[in-house]
């Protein structure tokens, strides 16, 4: 599993990849992409910023 922030059309987009390995090779991969989201006040205490980023309020 990996997660990163990529730039698409000049805007940041979050990406998560879930990979399945067999014999040291990737045999299946599922990717998820999402626009940046703010943190609602009700769960702000549970949120952690990614390195180099801050948590924004919604």
PDB file of N, CA and C in Angstrom:
ATOM      1  N   UNK A   1       0.855  -1.163   0.000  1.00  0.00           N
ATOM      2  CA  UNK A   1       0.000   0.000   0.000  1.00  0.00           C
ATOM      3  C   UNK A   1       0.895   1.218   0.000  1.00  0.00           C
ATOM      4  N   UNK A   2       0.516   2.199  -0.800  1.00  0.00           N
ATOM      5  CA  UNK A   2       1.257   3.459  -0.815  1.00  0.00           C
ATOM      6  C   UNK A   2       0.265   4.603  -0.942  1.00  0.00           C
ATOM      7  N   UNK A   3       0.691   5.759  -0.458  1.00  0.00           N
ATOM      8  CA  UNK A   3      -0.133   6.956  -0.612  1.00  0.00           C
ATOM      9  C   UNK A   3       0.778   8.113  -0.973  1.00  0.00           C
ATOM     10  N   UNK A   4       0.256   9.011  -1.785  1.00  0.00           N
ATOM     11  CA  UNK A   4       1.044  10.169  -2.185  1.00  0.00           C
ATOM     12  C   UNK A   4       0.124  11.274  -2.678  1.00  0.00           C
ATOM     13  N   UNK A   5       0.710  12.440  -2.850  1.00  0.00           N
ATOM     14  CA  UNK A   5       0.004  13.574  -3.440  1.00  0.00           C
ATOM     15  C   UNK A   5       0.639  13.796  -4.807  1.00  0.00           C
ATOM     16  N   UNK A   6      -0.182  13.791  -5.845  1.00  0.00           N
ATOM     17  CA  UNK A   6       0.313  14.028  -7.191  1.00  0.00           C
ATOM     18  C   UNK A   6      -0.313  15.315  -7.723  1.00  0.00           C
ATOM     19  N   UNK A   7       0.312  15.908  -8.713  1.00  0.00           N
ATOM     20  CA  UNK A   7      -0.233  17.108  -9.341  1.00  0.00           C
ATOM     21  C   UNK A   7      -0.853  16.706 -10.667  1.00  0.00           C
ATOM     22  N   UNK A   8      -2.118  17.039 -10.836  1.00  0.00           N
ATOM     23  CA  UNK A   8      -2.846  16.726 -12.059  1.00  0.00           C
ATOM     24  C   UNK A   8      -3.494  18.003 -12.553  1.00  0.00           C
ATOM     25  N   UNK A   9      -3.161  18.424 -13.743  1.00  0.00           N
ATOM     26  CA  UNK A   9      -3.650  19.696 -14.303  1.00  0.00           C
ATOM     27  C   UNK A   9      -3.361  20.870 -13.374  1.00  0.00           C
ATOM     28  N   UNK A  10      -2.213  20.834 -12.717  1.00  0.00           N
ATOM     29  CA  UNK A  10      -1.790  21.922 -11.852  1.00  0.00           C
ATOM     30  C   UNK A  10      -2.401  21.938 -10.469  1.00  0.00           C
ATOM     31  N   UNK A  11      -3.235  20.939 -10.126  1.00  0.00           N
ATOM     32  CA  UNK A  11      -3.878  20.894  -8.808  1.00  0.00           C
ATOM     33  C   UNK A  11      -3.466  19.612  -8.079  1.00  0.00           C
ATOM     34  N   UNK A  12      -3.316  19.674  -6.743  1.00  0.00           N
ATOM     35  CA  UNK A  12      -2.944  18.469  -6.002  1.00  0.00           C
ATOM     36  C   UNK A  12      -4.094  17.466  -5.970  1.00  0.00           C
ATOM     37  N   UNK A  13      -3.745  16.206  -6.028  1.00  0.00           N
ATOM     38  CA  UNK A  13      -4.720  15.118  -5.941  1.00  0.00           C
ATOM     39  C   UNK A  13      -4.110  14.014  -5.098  1.00  0.00           C
ATOM     40  N   UNK A  14      -4.882  13.474  -4.171  1.00  0.00           N
ATOM     41  CA  UNK A  14      -4.390  12.405  -3.310  1.00  0.00           C
ATOM     42  C   UNK A  14      -4.573  11.070  -4.009  1.00  0.00           C
ATOM     43  N   UNK A  15      -3.580  10.197  -3.867  1.00  0.00           N
ATOM     44  CA  UNK A  15      -3.613   8.887  -4.500  1.00  0.00           C
ATOM     45  C   UNK A  15      -3.234   7.817  -3.481  1.00  0.00           C
ATOM     46  N   UNK A  16      -3.988   6.719  -3.489  1.00  0.00           N
ATOM     47  CA  UNK A  16      -3.672   5.546  -2.674  1.00  0.00           C
ATOM     48  C   UNK A  16      -3.636   4.353  -3.611  1.00  0.00           C
ATOM     49  N   UNK A  17      -2.578   3.570  -3.535  1.00  0.00           N
ATOM     50  CA  UNK A  17      -2.450   2.359  -4.338  1.00  0.00           C
ATOM     51  C   UNK A  17      -2.370   1.155  -3.404  1.00  0.00           C
ATOM     52  N   UNK A  18      -3.169   0.146  -3.697  1.00  0.00           N
ATOM     53  CA  UNK A  18      -3.139  -1.110  -2.943  1.00  0.00           C
ATOM     54  C   UNK A  18      -2.634  -2.168  -3.919  1.00  0.00           C
ATOM     55  N   UNK A  19      -1.487  -2.775  -3.598  1.00  0.00           N
ATOM     56  CA  UNK A  19      -0.859  -3.728  -4.510  1.00  0.00           C
ATOM     57  C   UNK A  19      -0.797  -5.124  -3.883  1.00  0.00           C
ATOM     58  N   UNK A  20      -1.012  -6.115  -4.716  1.00  0.00           N
ATOM     59  CA  UNK A  20      -0.890  -7.511  -4.304  1.00  0.00           C
ATOM     60  C   UNK A  20       0.350  -8.086  -4.996  1.00  0.00           C
ATOM     61  N   UNK A  21       1.208  -8.739  -4.209  1.00  0.00           N
ATOM     62  CA  UNK A  21       2.450  -9.288  -4.733  1.00  0.00           C
ATOM     63  C   UNK A  21       2.415 -10.811  -4.725  1.00  0.00           C
ATOM     64  N   UNK A  22       3.083 -11.413  -5.701  1.00  0.00           N
ATOM     65  CA  UNK A  22       3.317 -12.853  -5.753  1.00  0.00           C
ATOM     66  C   UNK A  22       4.679 -13.056  -6.403  1.00  0.00           C
ATOM     67  N   UNK A  23       5.521 -13.831  -5.773  1.00  0.00           N
ATOM     68  CA  UNK A  23       6.867 -14.080  -6.301  1.00  0.00           C
ATOM     69  C   UNK A  23       7.613 -12.785  -6.594  1.00  0.00           C
ATOM     70  N   UNK A  24       7.527 -11.834  -5.683  1.00  0.00           N
ATOM     71  CA  UNK A  24       8.218 -10.544  -5.746  1.00  0.00           C
ATOM     72  C   UNK A  24       7.804  -9.684  -6.945  1.00  0.00           C
ATOM     73  N   UNK A  25       6.599  -9.924  -7.486  1.00  0.00           N
ATOM     74  CA  UNK A  25       6.084  -9.107  -8.574  1.00  0.00           C
ATOM     75  C   UNK A  25       4.667  -8.655  -8.239  1.00  0.00           C
ATOM     76  N   UNK A  26       4.300  -7.475  -8.727  1.00  0.00           N
ATOM     77  CA  UNK A  26       2.935  -6.982  -8.538  1.00  0.00           C
ATOM     78  C   UNK A  26       2.026  -7.765  -9.478  1.00  0.00           C
ATOM     79  N   UNK A  27       1.003  -8.419  -8.908  1.00  0.00           N
ATOM     80  CA  UNK A  27       0.060  -9.176  -9.731  1.00  0.00           C
ATOM     81  C   UNK A  27      -1.305  -8.489  -9.830  1.00  0.00           C
ATOM     82  N   UNK A  28      -1.562  -7.519  -8.945  1.00  0.00           N
ATOM     83  CA  UNK A  28      -2.814  -6.772  -9.001  1.00  0.00           C
ATOM     84  C   UNK A  28      -2.618  -5.447  -8.291  1.00  0.00           C
ATOM     85  N   UNK A  29      -3.204  -4.390  -8.844  1.00  0.00           N
ATOM     86  CA  UNK A  29      -3.105  -3.072  -8.216  1.00  0.00           C
ATOM     87  C   UNK A  29      -4.434  -2.347  -8.364  1.00  0.00           C
ATOM     88  N   UNK A  30      -4.874  -1.731  -7.272  1.00  0.00           N
ATOM     89  CA  UNK A  30      -6.072  -0.896  -7.285  1.00  0.00           C
ATOM     90  C   UNK A  30      -5.645   0.496  -6.838  1.00  0.00           C
ATOM     91  N   UNK A  31      -6.046   1.514  -7.590  1.00  0.00           N
ATOM     92  CA  UNK A  31      -5.691   2.888  -7.253  1.00  0.00           C
ATOM     93  C   UNK A  31      -6.945   3.704  -6.977  1.00  0.00           C
ATOM     94  N   UNK A  32      -6.833   4.572  -5.990  1.00  0.00           N
ATOM     95  CA  UNK A  32      -7.922   5.483  -5.625  1.00  0.00           C
ATOM     96  C   UNK A  32      -7.375   6.904  -5.701  1.00  0.00           C
ATOM     97  N   UNK A  33      -8.163   7.831  -6.226  1.00  0.00           N
ATOM     98  CA  UNK A  33      -7.765   9.237  -6.351  1.00  0.00           C
ATOM     99  C   UNK A  33      -8.859  10.112  -5.755  1.00  0.00           C
ATOM    100  N   UNK A  34      -8.454  11.191  -5.086  1.00  0.00           N
ATOM    101  CA  UNK A  34      -9.431  12.108  -4.483  1.00  0.00           C
ATOM    102  C   UNK A  34      -8.851  13.513  -4.430  1.00  0.00           C
ATOM    103  N   UNK A  35      -9.733  14.470  -4.493  1.00  0.00           N
ATOM    104  CA  UNK A  35      -9.334  15.868  -4.319  1.00  0.00           C
ATOM    105  C   UNK A  35      -9.046  16.114  -2.840  1.00  0.00           C
ATOM    106  N   UNK A  36      -8.214  17.099  -2.512  1.00  0.00           N
ATOM    107  CA  UNK A  36      -7.952  17.417  -1.103  1.00  0.00           C
ATOM    108  C   UNK A  36      -9.243  17.774  -0.364  1.00  0.00           C
ATOM    109  N   UNK A  37      -9.353  17.310   0.851  1.00  0.00           N
ATOM    110  CA  UNK A  37     -10.519  17.594   1.694  1.00  0.00           C
ATOM    111  C   UNK A  37     -10.068  18.310   2.949  1.00  0.00           C
ATOM    112  N   UNK A  38     -10.902  19.167   3.459  1.00  0.00           N
ATOM    113  CA  UNK A  38     -10.637  19.790   4.751  1.00  0.00           C
ATOM    114  C   UNK A  38     -11.029  18.829   5.864  1.00  0.00           C
ATOM    115  N   UNK A  39     -10.738  19.205   7.084  1.00  0.00           N
ATOM    116  CA  UNK A  39     -11.083  18.370   8.231  1.00  0.00           C
ATOM    117  C   UNK A  39     -12.271  18.966   8.958  1.00  0.00           C
ATOM    118  N   UNK A  40     -13.410  18.243   9.059  1.00  0.00           N
ATOM    119  CA  UNK A  40     -14.539  18.751   9.822  1.00  0.00           C
ATOM    120  C   UNK A  40     -14.158  18.900  11.303  1.00  0.00           C
ATOM    121  N   UNK A  41     -14.736  19.868  11.972  1.00  0.00           N
ATOM    122  CA  UNK A  41     -14.408  20.138  13.381  1.00  0.00           C
ATOM    123  C   UNK A  41     -14.601  18.907  14.265  1.00  0.00           C
ATOM    124  N   UNK A  42     -15.613  18.072  13.965  1.00  0.00           N
ATOM    125  CA  UNK A  42     -15.911  16.928  14.832  1.00  0.00           C
ATOM    126  C   UNK A  42     -14.817  15.859  14.806  1.00  0.00           C
ATOM    127  N   UNK A  43     -13.946  15.858  13.797  1.00  0.00           N
ATOM    128  CA  UNK A  43     -12.880  14.854  13.785  1.00  0.00           C
ATOM    129  C   UNK A  43     -11.484  15.464  13.695  1.00  0.00           C
ATOM    130  N   UNK A  44     -11.366  16.746  13.931  1.00  0.00           N
ATOM    131  CA  UNK A  44     -10.072  17.424  13.845  1.00  0.00           C
ATOM    132  C   UNK A  44      -9.048  16.825  14.810  1.00  0.00           C
ATOM    133  N   UNK A  45      -9.488  16.397  15.975  1.00  0.00           N
ATOM    134  CA  UNK A  45      -8.564  15.827  16.957  1.00  0.00           C
ATOM    135  C   UNK A  45      -7.993  14.489  16.482  1.00  0.00           C
ATOM    136  N   UNK A  46      -8.640  13.834  15.521  1.00  0.00           N
ATOM    137  CA  UNK A  46      -8.183  12.533  15.019  1.00  0.00           C
ATOM    138  C   UNK A  46      -7.310  12.665  13.775  1.00  0.00           C
ATOM    139  N   UNK A  47      -7.270  13.842  13.182  1.00  0.00           N
ATOM    140  CA  UNK A  47      -6.561  14.038  11.911  1.00  0.00           C
ATOM    141  C   UNK A  47      -5.086  14.335  12.141  1.00  0.00           C
ATOM    142  N   UNK A  48      -4.254  13.855  11.222  1.00  0.00           N
ATOM    143  CA  UNK A  48      -2.831  14.158  11.231  1.00  0.00           C
ATOM    144  C   UNK A  48      -2.464  14.717   9.864  1.00  0.00           C
ATOM    145  N   UNK A  49      -1.723  15.817   9.815  1.00  0.00           N
ATOM    146  CA  UNK A  49      -1.327  16.347   8.508  1.00  0.00           C
ATOM    147  C   UNK A  49      -0.264  15.454   7.864  1.00  0.00           C
ATOM    148  N   UNK A  50      -0.289  15.404   6.538  1.00  0.00           N
ATOM    149  CA  UNK A  50       0.784  14.729   5.824  1.00  0.00           C
ATOM    150  C   UNK A  50       2.038  15.586   5.985  1.00  0.00           C
ATOM    151  N   UNK A  51       3.224  14.985   5.926  1.00  0.00           N
ATOM    152  CA  UNK A  51       4.460  15.772   6.066  1.00  0.00           C
ATOM    153  C   UNK A  51       4.486  16.951   5.090  1.00  0.00           C
ATOM    154  N   UNK A  52       4.798  18.119   5.613  1.00  0.00           N
ATOM    155  CA  UNK A  52       4.881  19.314   4.795  1.00  0.00           C
ATOM    156  C   UNK A  52       3.547  19.972   4.492  1.00  0.00           C
ATOM    157  N   UNK A  53       2.459  19.486   5.102  1.00  0.00           N
ATOM    158  CA  UNK A  53       1.139  20.033   4.833  1.00  0.00           C
ATOM    159  C   UNK A  53       0.456  20.410   6.150  1.00  0.00           C
ATOM    160  N   UNK A  54      -0.577  21.233   6.066  1.00  0.00           N
ATOM    161  CA  UNK A  54      -1.355  21.606   7.242  1.00  0.00           C
ATOM    162  C   UNK A  54      -2.786  21.082   7.070  1.00  0.00           C
ATOM    163  N   UNK A  55      -3.505  20.943   8.172  1.00  0.00           N
ATOM    164  CA  UNK A  55      -4.894  20.503   8.135  1.00  0.00           C
ATOM    165  C   UNK A  55      -5.769  21.733   8.006  1.00  0.00           C
ATOM    166  N   UNK A  56      -6.671  21.717   7.019  1.00  0.00           N
ATOM    167  CA  UNK A  56      -7.561  22.848   6.780  1.00  0.00           C
ATOM    168  C   UNK A  56      -8.925  22.557   7.369  1.00  0.00           C
ATOM    169  N   UNK A  57      -9.573  23.591   7.876  1.00  0.00           N
ATOM    170  CA  UNK A  57     -10.934  23.460   8.382  1.00  0.00           C
ATOM    171  C   UNK A  57     -11.928  23.467   7.222  1.00  0.00           C
ATOM    172  N   UNK A  58     -13.050  22.788   7.404  1.00  0.00           N
ATOM    173  CA  UNK A  58     -14.105  22.793   6.391  1.00  0.00           C
ATOM    174  C   UNK A  58     -15.083  23.886   6.725  1.00  0.00           C
TER     175      UNK A  58
END
